[in-house]
PDB file of all heavy atoms in Angstrom:
ATOM      1  N   PHE A   1     215.286  84.446 142.846  1.00  0.00           N
ATOM      2  CA  PHE A   1     214.447  85.415 142.145  1.00  0.00           C
ATOM      3  C   PHE A   1     215.208  86.061 141.009  1.00  0.00           C
ATOM      4  O   PHE A   1     216.329  86.538 141.147  1.00  0.00           O
ATOM      5  CB  PHE A   1     213.966  86.509 143.135  1.00  0.00           C
ATOM      6  CG  PHE A   1     212.938  85.955 144.096  1.00  0.00           C
ATOM      7  CD1 PHE A   1     213.286  85.566 145.343  1.00  0.00           C
ATOM      8  CD2 PHE A   1     211.644  85.875 143.671  1.00  0.00           C
ATOM      9  CE1 PHE A   1     212.352  85.052 146.204  1.00  0.00           C
ATOM     10  CE2 PHE A   1     210.652  85.407 144.533  1.00  0.00           C
ATOM     11  CZ  PHE A   1     211.037  84.923 145.833  1.00  0.00           C
ATOM     12  N   THR A   2     214.541  86.068 139.842  1.00  0.00           N
ATOM     13  CA  THR A   2     215.090  86.791 138.642  1.00  0.00           C
ATOM     14  C   THR A   2     213.915  87.491 137.989  1.00  0.00           C
ATOM     15  O   THR A   2     212.747  87.189 138.261  1.00  0.00           O
ATOM     16  CB  THR A   2     215.734  85.773 137.640  1.00  0.00           C
ATOM     17  OG1 THR A   2     214.715  84.824 137.276  1.00  0.00           O
ATOM     18  CG2 THR A   2     216.895  85.062 138.227  1.00  0.00           C
ATOM     19  N   LEU A   3     214.229  88.433 137.169  1.00  0.00           N
ATOM     20  CA  LEU A   3     213.192  89.127 136.484  1.00  0.00           C
ATOM     21  C   LEU A   3     212.655  88.308 135.337  1.00  0.00           C
ATOM     22  O   LEU A   3     213.334  87.705 134.550  1.00  0.00           O
ATOM     23  CB  LEU A   3     213.731  90.454 135.887  1.00  0.00           C
ATOM     24  CG  LEU A   3     214.143  91.515 136.950  1.00  0.00           C
ATOM     25  CD1 LEU A   3     214.779  92.662 136.192  1.00  0.00           C
ATOM     26  CD2 LEU A   3     212.972  91.931 137.762  1.00  0.00           C
ATOM     27  N   SER A   4     211.316  88.238 135.245  1.00  0.00           N
ATOM     28  CA  SER A   4     210.654  87.544 134.163  1.00  0.00           C
ATOM     29  C   SER A   4     210.751  88.355 132.851  1.00  0.00           C
ATOM     30  O   SER A   4     211.089  89.548 132.876  1.00  0.00           O
ATOM     31  CB  SER A   4     209.160  87.319 134.455  1.00  0.00           C
ATOM     32  OG  SER A   4     208.497  88.578 134.559  1.00  0.00           O
ATOM     33  N   ALA A   5     210.443  87.746 131.776  1.00  0.00           N
ATOM     34  CA  ALA A   5     210.487  88.485 130.475  1.00  0.00           C
ATOM     35  C   ALA A   5     209.542  89.700 130.514  1.00  0.00           C
ATOM     36  O   ALA A   5     209.892  90.770 130.067  1.00  0.00           O
ATOM     37  CB  ALA A   5     210.187  87.527 129.314  1.00  0.00           C
ATOM     38  N   PRO A   6     208.284  89.531 131.033  1.00  0.00           N
ATOM     39  CA  PRO A   6     207.390  90.750 131.113  1.00  0.00           C
ATOM     40  C   PRO A   6     207.969  91.849 132.009  1.00  0.00           C
ATOM     41  O   PRO A   6     207.858  92.989 131.692  1.00  0.00           O
ATOM     42  CB  PRO A   6     206.083  90.158 131.676  1.00  0.00           C
ATOM     43  CG  PRO A   6     206.096  88.728 131.299  1.00  0.00           C
ATOM     44  CD  PRO A   6     207.547  88.324 131.345  1.00  0.00           C
ATOM     45  N   ASP A   7     208.617  91.428 133.158  1.00  0.00           N
ATOM     46  CA  ASP A   7     209.241  92.410 134.000  1.00  0.00           C
ATOM     47  C   ASP A   7     210.391  93.120 133.277  1.00  0.00           C
ATOM     48  O   ASP A   7     210.521  94.387 133.388  1.00  0.00           O
ATOM     49  CB  ASP A   7     209.814  91.774 135.270  1.00  0.00           C
ATOM     50  CG  ASP A   7     208.712  91.429 136.278  1.00  0.00           C
ATOM     51  OD1 ASP A   7     207.571  91.889 136.113  1.00  0.00           O
ATOM     52  OD2 ASP A   7     209.038  90.676 137.215  1.00  0.00           O
ATOM     53  N   GLN A   8     211.176  92.403 132.498  1.00  0.00           N
ATOM     54  CA  GLN A   8     212.229  93.028 131.722  1.00  0.00           C
ATOM     55  C   GLN A   8     211.726  93.976 130.669  1.00  0.00           C
ATOM     56  O   GLN A   8     212.251  95.070 130.522  1.00  0.00           O
ATOM     57  CB  GLN A   8     213.109  91.917 131.141  1.00  0.00           C
ATOM     58  CG  GLN A   8     213.931  91.168 132.122  1.00  0.00           C
ATOM     59  CD  GLN A   8     214.744  90.079 131.500  1.00  0.00           C
ATOM     60  OE1 GLN A   8     214.875  89.967 130.253  1.00  0.00           O
ATOM     61  NE2 GLN A   8     215.319  89.220 132.313  1.00  0.00           N
ATOM     62  N   ARG A   9     210.612  93.556 130.049  1.00  0.00           N
ATOM     63  CA  ARG A   9     210.047  94.467 129.018  1.00  0.00           C
ATOM     64  C   ARG A   9     209.484  95.722 129.707  1.00  0.00           C
ATOM     65  O   ARG A   9     209.660  96.830 129.210  1.00  0.00           O
ATOM     66  CB  ARG A   9     208.905  93.763 128.294  1.00  0.00           C
ATOM     67  CG  ARG A   9     209.364  92.866 127.190  1.00  0.00           C
ATOM     68  CD  ARG A   9     208.253  92.445 126.294  1.00  0.00           C
ATOM     69  NE  ARG A   9     207.213  91.649 126.947  1.00  0.00           N
ATOM     70  CZ  ARG A   9     207.297  90.350 127.202  1.00  0.00           C
ATOM     71  NH1 ARG A   9     208.343  89.679 126.844  1.00  0.00           N
ATOM     72  NH2 ARG A   9     206.294  89.769 127.805  1.00  0.00           N
ATOM     73  N   TYR A  10     208.884  95.541 130.841  1.00  0.00           N
ATOM     74  CA  TYR A  10     208.358  96.711 131.651  1.00  0.00           C
ATOM     75  C   TYR A  10     209.488  97.677 131.958  1.00  0.00           C
ATOM     76  O   TYR A  10     209.395  98.887 131.821  1.00  0.00           O
ATOM     77  CB  TYR A  10     207.684  96.201 132.914  1.00  0.00           C
ATOM     78  CG  TYR A  10     206.952  97.293 133.659  1.00  0.00           C
ATOM     79  CD1 TYR A  10     205.636  97.609 133.396  1.00  0.00           C
ATOM     80  CD2 TYR A  10     207.559  97.931 134.741  1.00  0.00           C
ATOM     81  CE1 TYR A  10     205.003  98.628 134.118  1.00  0.00           C
ATOM     82  CE2 TYR A  10     206.924  98.921 135.438  1.00  0.00           C
ATOM     83  CZ  TYR A  10     205.640  99.250 135.185  1.00  0.00           C
ATOM     84  OH  TYR A  10     205.000 100.192 135.843  1.00  0.00           O
ATOM     85  N   LEU A  11     210.580  97.104 132.489  1.00  0.00           N
ATOM     86  CA  LEU A  11     211.749  97.977 132.866  1.00  0.00           C
ATOM     87  C   LEU A  11     212.333  98.657 131.614  1.00  0.00           C
ATOM     88  O   LEU A  11     212.847  99.754 131.738  1.00  0.00           O
ATOM     89  CB  LEU A  11     212.808  97.162 133.544  1.00  0.00           C
ATOM     90  CG  LEU A  11     212.558  96.776 135.020  1.00  0.00           C
ATOM     91  CD1 LEU A  11     213.652  95.830 135.486  1.00  0.00           C
ATOM     92  CD2 LEU A  11     212.443  97.994 135.836  1.00  0.00           C
ATOM     93  N   SER A  12     212.300  97.955 130.486  1.00  0.00           N
ATOM     94  CA  SER A  12     212.914  98.616 129.293  1.00  0.00           C
ATOM     95  C   SER A  12     212.130  99.784 128.744  1.00  0.00           C
ATOM     96  O   SER A  12     212.633 100.560 127.976  1.00  0.00           O
ATOM     97  CB  SER A  12     213.096  97.578 128.243  1.00  0.00           C
ATOM     98  OG  SER A  12     211.847  97.174 127.667  1.00  0.00           O
ATOM     99  N   THR A  13     210.842  99.938 129.205  1.00  0.00           N
ATOM    100  CA  THR A  13     210.014 101.007 128.729  1.00  0.00           C
ATOM    101  C   THR A  13     209.941 102.160 129.696  1.00  0.00           C
ATOM    102  O   THR A  13     209.157 103.115 129.460  1.00  0.00           O
ATOM    103  CB  THR A  13     208.635 100.499 128.331  1.00  0.00           C
ATOM    104  OG1 THR A  13     207.977  99.993 129.489  1.00  0.00           O
ATOM    105  CG2 THR A  13     208.669  99.431 127.289  1.00  0.00           C
ATOM    106  N   ARG A  14     210.597 102.054 130.877  1.00  0.00           N
ATOM    107  CA  ARG A  14     210.494 103.078 131.847  1.00  0.00           C
ATOM    108  C   ARG A  14     211.925 103.357 132.438  1.00  0.00           C
ATOM    109  O   ARG A  14     212.731 102.463 132.507  1.00  0.00           O
ATOM    110  CB  ARG A  14     209.605 102.617 133.011  1.00  0.00           C
ATOM    111  CG  ARG A  14     208.142 102.700 132.595  1.00  0.00           C
ATOM    112  CD  ARG A  14     207.301 101.689 133.352  1.00  0.00           C
ATOM    113  NE  ARG A  14     205.910 101.756 132.906  1.00  0.00           N
ATOM    114  CZ  ARG A  14     205.442 100.981 131.911  1.00  0.00           C
ATOM    115  NH1 ARG A  14     206.219 100.148 131.290  1.00  0.00           N
ATOM    116  NH2 ARG A  14     204.158 101.010 131.619  1.00  0.00           N
ATOM    117  N   ASP A  15     212.129 104.565 132.857  1.00  0.00           N
ATOM    118  CA  ASP A  15     213.378 104.920 133.490  1.00  0.00           C
ATOM    119  C   ASP A  15     213.411 104.526 134.983  1.00  0.00           C
ATOM    120  O   ASP A  15     212.383 104.303 135.553  1.00  0.00           O
ATOM    121  CB  ASP A  15     213.774 106.398 133.271  1.00  0.00           C
ATOM    122  CG  ASP A  15     212.751 107.305 133.905  1.00  0.00           C
ATOM    123  OD1 ASP A  15     212.078 106.945 134.917  1.00  0.00           O
ATOM    124  OD2 ASP A  15     212.632 108.483 133.426  1.00  0.00           O
ATOM    125  N   MET A  16     214.601 104.456 135.532  1.00  0.00           N
ATOM    126  CA  MET A  16     214.716 104.053 136.912  1.00  0.00           C
ATOM    127  C   MET A  16     214.077 105.019 137.879  1.00  0.00           C
ATOM    128  O   MET A  16     213.650 104.614 138.985  1.00  0.00           O
ATOM    129  CB  MET A  16     216.205 103.789 137.302  1.00  0.00           C
ATOM    130  CG  MET A  16     216.689 102.409 136.901  1.00  0.00           C
ATOM    131  SD  MET A  16     215.670 101.059 137.414  1.00  0.00           S
ATOM    132  CE  MET A  16     215.962 101.029 139.164  1.00  0.00           C
ATOM    133  N   THR A  17     213.964 106.258 137.506  1.00  0.00           N
ATOM    134  CA  THR A  17     213.334 107.254 138.395  1.00  0.00           C
ATOM    135  C   THR A  17     211.832 106.834 138.561  1.00  0.00           C
ATOM    136  O   THR A  17     211.326 106.854 139.716  1.00  0.00           O
ATOM    137  CB  THR A  17     213.394 108.638 137.793  1.00  0.00           C
ATOM    138  OG1 THR A  17     214.749 109.010 137.648  1.00  0.00           O
ATOM    139  CG2 THR A  17     212.690 109.692 138.656  1.00  0.00           C
ATOM    140  N   THR A  18     211.196 106.428 137.471  1.00  0.00           N
ATOM    141  CA  THR A  18     209.811 105.990 137.576  1.00  0.00           C
ATOM    142  C   THR A  18     209.690 104.729 138.444  1.00  0.00           C
ATOM    143  O   THR A  18     208.833 104.612 139.262  1.00  0.00           O
ATOM    144  CB  THR A  18     209.263 105.730 136.141  1.00  0.00           C
ATOM    145  OG1 THR A  18     209.336 106.988 135.430  1.00  0.00           O
ATOM    146  CG2 THR A  18     207.789 105.280 136.181  1.00  0.00           C
ATOM    147  N   ILE A  19     210.544 103.767 138.148  1.00  0.00           N
ATOM    148  CA  ILE A  19     210.529 102.526 138.913  1.00  0.00           C
ATOM    149  C   ILE A  19     210.798 102.802 140.412  1.00  0.00           C
ATOM    150  O   ILE A  19     210.145 102.212 141.284  1.00  0.00           O
ATOM    151  CB  ILE A  19     211.596 101.563 138.368  1.00  0.00           C
ATOM    152  CG1 ILE A  19     211.321 101.214 136.871  1.00  0.00           C
ATOM    153  CG2 ILE A  19     211.663 100.277 139.204  1.00  0.00           C
ATOM    154  CD1 ILE A  19     209.947 100.596 136.623  1.00  0.00           C
ATOM    155  N   THR A  20     211.712 103.687 140.710  1.00  0.00           N
ATOM    156  CA  THR A  20     211.985 104.016 142.120  1.00  0.00           C
ATOM    157  C   THR A  20     210.731 104.697 142.746  1.00  0.00           C
ATOM    158  O   THR A  20     210.424 104.394 143.929  1.00  0.00           O
ATOM    159  CB  THR A  20     213.171 104.977 142.252  1.00  0.00           C
ATOM    160  OG1 THR A  20     214.321 104.295 141.646  1.00  0.00           O
ATOM    161  CG2 THR A  20     213.505 105.358 143.648  1.00  0.00           C
ATOM    162  N   GLN A  21     210.037 105.493 142.000  1.00  0.00           N
ATOM    163  CA  GLN A  21     208.780 106.073 142.537  1.00  0.00           C
ATOM    164  C   GLN A  21     207.756 104.961 142.825  1.00  0.00           C
ATOM    165  O   GLN A  21     207.087 105.074 143.822  1.00  0.00           O
ATOM    166  CB  GLN A  21     208.240 107.094 141.521  1.00  0.00           C
ATOM    167  CG  GLN A  21     209.011 108.373 141.472  1.00  0.00           C
ATOM    168  CD  GLN A  21     208.593 109.283 140.359  1.00  0.00           C
ATOM    169  OE1 GLN A  21     207.823 108.891 139.413  1.00  0.00           O
ATOM    170  NE2 GLN A  21     209.108 110.521 140.377  1.00  0.00           N
ATOM    171  N   HIS A  22     207.687 104.004 141.979  1.00  0.00           N
ATOM    172  CA  HIS A  22     206.763 102.856 142.170  1.00  0.00           C
ATOM    173  C   HIS A  22     207.177 102.150 143.485  1.00  0.00           C
ATOM    174  O   HIS A  22     206.343 101.853 144.363  1.00  0.00           O
ATOM    175  CB  HIS A  22     206.747 101.873 141.041  1.00  0.00           C
ATOM    176  CG  HIS A  22     206.268 102.410 139.776  1.00  0.00           C
ATOM    177  ND1 HIS A  22     206.315 101.705 138.580  1.00  0.00           N
ATOM    178  CD2 HIS A  22     205.550 103.522 139.496  1.00  0.00           C
ATOM    179  CE1 HIS A  22     205.809 102.429 137.648  1.00  0.00           C
ATOM    180  NE2 HIS A  22     205.310 103.535 138.105  1.00  0.00           N
ATOM    181  N   ALA A  23     208.513 101.888 143.616  1.00  0.00           N
ATOM    182  CA  ALA A  23     208.971 101.206 144.839  1.00  0.00           C
ATOM    183  C   ALA A  23     208.633 102.006 146.079  1.00  0.00           C
ATOM    184  O   ALA A  23     208.152 101.445 147.061  1.00  0.00           O
ATOM    185  CB  ALA A  23     210.487 101.006 144.731  1.00  0.00           C
ATOM    186  N   GLN A  24     208.856 103.303 146.046  1.00  0.00           N
ATOM    187  CA  GLN A  24     208.541 104.152 147.192  1.00  0.00           C
ATOM    188  C   GLN A  24     207.089 104.109 147.510  1.00  0.00           C
ATOM    189  O   GLN A  24     206.722 104.072 148.719  1.00  0.00           O
ATOM    190  CB  GLN A  24     209.030 105.581 146.915  1.00  0.00           C
ATOM    191  CG  GLN A  24     210.578 105.702 146.909  1.00  0.00           C
ATOM    192  CD  GLN A  24     211.025 106.994 146.300  1.00  0.00           C
ATOM    193  OE1 GLN A  24     210.336 107.764 145.702  1.00  0.00           O
ATOM    194  NE2 GLN A  24     212.345 107.267 146.509  1.00  0.00           N
ATOM    195  N   HIS A  25     206.248 104.113 146.541  1.00  0.00           N
ATOM    196  CA  HIS A  25     204.812 104.062 146.766  1.00  0.00           C
ATOM    197  C   HIS A  25     204.392 102.718 147.435  1.00  0.00           C
ATOM    198  O   HIS A  25     203.703 102.685 148.420  1.00  0.00           O
ATOM    199  CB  HIS A  25     204.062 104.254 145.460  1.00  0.00           C
ATOM    200  CG  HIS A  25     202.556 104.029 145.613  1.00  0.00           C
ATOM    201  ND1 HIS A  25     201.734 104.923 146.225  1.00  0.00           N
ATOM    202  CD2 HIS A  25     201.758 102.968 145.269  1.00  0.00           C
ATOM    203  CE1 HIS A  25     200.491 104.502 146.253  1.00  0.00           C
ATOM    204  NE2 HIS A  25     200.457 103.282 145.644  1.00  0.00           N
ATOM    205  N   PHE A  26     204.943 101.600 146.881  1.00  0.00           N
ATOM    206  CA  PHE A  26     204.654 100.298 147.430  1.00  0.00           C
ATOM    207  C   PHE A  26     205.138 100.226 148.919  1.00  0.00           C
ATOM    208  O   PHE A  26     204.473  99.709 149.788  1.00  0.00           O
ATOM    209  CB  PHE A  26     205.222  99.189 146.625  1.00  0.00           C
ATOM    210  CG  PHE A  26     204.658  99.042 145.252  1.00  0.00           C
ATOM    211  CD1 PHE A  26     205.474  98.633 144.208  1.00  0.00           C
ATOM    212  CD2 PHE A  26     203.340  99.334 144.995  1.00  0.00           C
ATOM    213  CE1 PHE A  26     204.945  98.502 142.929  1.00  0.00           C
ATOM    214  CE2 PHE A  26     202.804  99.154 143.705  1.00  0.00           C
ATOM    215  CZ  PHE A  26     203.625  98.728 142.661  1.00  0.00           C
ATOM    216  N   ILE A  27     206.308 100.729 149.188  1.00  0.00           N
ATOM    217  CA  ILE A  27     206.894 100.697 150.544  1.00  0.00           C
ATOM    218  C   ILE A  27     206.014 101.505 151.445  1.00  0.00           C
ATOM    219  O   ILE A  27     205.655 101.095 152.561  1.00  0.00           O
ATOM    220  CB  ILE A  27     208.320 101.227 150.539  1.00  0.00           C
ATOM    221  CG1 ILE A  27     209.255 100.190 149.800  1.00  0.00           C
ATOM    222  CG2 ILE A  27     208.837 101.434 151.924  1.00  0.00           C
ATOM    223  CD1 ILE A  27     210.574 100.806 149.338  1.00  0.00           C
ATOM    224  N   GLN A  28     205.675 102.731 151.030  1.00  0.00           N
ATOM    225  CA  GLN A  28     204.876 103.607 151.859  1.00  0.00           C
ATOM    226  C   GLN A  28     203.512 103.069 152.197  1.00  0.00           C
ATOM    227  O   GLN A  28     203.037 103.132 153.313  1.00  0.00           O
ATOM    228  CB  GLN A  28     204.729 104.961 151.231  1.00  0.00           C
ATOM    229  CG  GLN A  28     204.023 105.994 152.039  1.00  0.00           C
ATOM    230  CD  GLN A  28     203.952 107.293 151.344  1.00  0.00           C
ATOM    231  OE1 GLN A  28     204.130 107.460 150.134  1.00  0.00           O
ATOM    232  NE2 GLN A  28     203.631 108.373 152.100  1.00  0.00           N
ATOM    233  N   THR A  29     202.871 102.426 151.164  1.00  0.00           N
ATOM    234  CA  THR A  29     201.481 101.996 151.403  1.00  0.00           C
ATOM    235  C   THR A  29     201.436 100.578 151.981  1.00  0.00           C
ATOM    236  O   THR A  29     200.487 100.241 152.707  1.00  0.00           O
ATOM    237  CB  THR A  29     200.692 102.054 150.090  1.00  0.00           C
ATOM    238  OG1 THR A  29     201.341 101.224 149.106  1.00  0.00           O
ATOM    239  CG2 THR A  29     200.527 103.464 149.650  1.00  0.00           C
ATOM    240  N   ARG A  30     202.392  99.718 151.662  1.00  0.00           N
ATOM    241  CA  ARG A  30     202.320  98.293 152.014  1.00  0.00           C
ATOM    242  C   ARG A  30     203.188  97.836 153.112  1.00  0.00           C
ATOM    243  O   ARG A  30     202.957  96.806 153.728  1.00  0.00           O
ATOM    244  CB  ARG A  30     202.603  97.391 150.777  1.00  0.00           C
ATOM    245  CG  ARG A  30     201.624  97.599 149.708  1.00  0.00           C
ATOM    246  CD  ARG A  30     202.106  96.813 148.426  1.00  0.00           C
ATOM    247  NE  ARG A  30     201.195  97.047 147.290  1.00  0.00           N
ATOM    248  CZ  ARG A  30     200.590  96.052 146.691  1.00  0.00           C
ATOM    249  NH1 ARG A  30     200.834  94.805 146.992  1.00  0.00           N
ATOM    250  NH2 ARG A  30     199.785  96.295 145.667  1.00  0.00           N
ATOM    251  N   LEU A  31     204.289  98.613 153.394  1.00  0.00           N
ATOM    252  CA  LEU A  31     205.274  98.234 154.435  1.00  0.00           C
ATOM    253  C   LEU A  31     205.372  99.162 155.579  1.00  0.00           C
ATOM    254  O   LEU A  31     205.669  98.791 156.730  1.00  0.00           O
ATOM    255  CB  LEU A  31     206.628  98.010 153.802  1.00  0.00           C
ATOM    256  CG  LEU A  31     206.880  96.770 153.039  1.00  0.00           C
ATOM    257  CD1 LEU A  31     208.265  96.814 152.399  1.00  0.00           C
ATOM    258  CD2 LEU A  31     206.660  95.515 153.790  1.00  0.00           C
ATOM    259  N   ALA A  32     205.265 100.451 155.318  1.00  0.00           N
ATOM    260  CA  ALA A  32     205.589 101.501 156.286  1.00  0.00           C
ATOM    261  C   ALA A  32     204.643 101.508 157.536  1.00  0.00           C
ATOM    262  O   ALA A  32     205.124 101.838 158.608  1.00  0.00           O
ATOM    263  CB  ALA A  32     205.598 102.863 155.638  1.00  0.00           C
ATOM    264  N   PRO A  33     203.341 101.162 157.362  1.00  0.00           N
ATOM    265  CA  PRO A  33     202.533 101.194 158.610  1.00  0.00           C
ATOM    266  C   PRO A  33     203.067 100.246 159.650  1.00  0.00           C
ATOM    267  O   PRO A  33     203.674  99.221 159.336  1.00  0.00           O
ATOM    268  CB  PRO A  33     201.169 100.801 158.126  1.00  0.00           C
ATOM    269  CG  PRO A  33     201.137 101.116 156.629  1.00  0.00           C
ATOM    270  CD  PRO A  33     202.577 100.886 156.171  1.00  0.00           C
TER     271      PRO A  33
END
């Protein structure tokens, strides 16, 4: 697994705090139950 060009562009336009918030949301809604 590696980041695609669109994923890299997405990361370059957002800070890690925002990305971490996205991860936390996905974990809470998709994995935590």
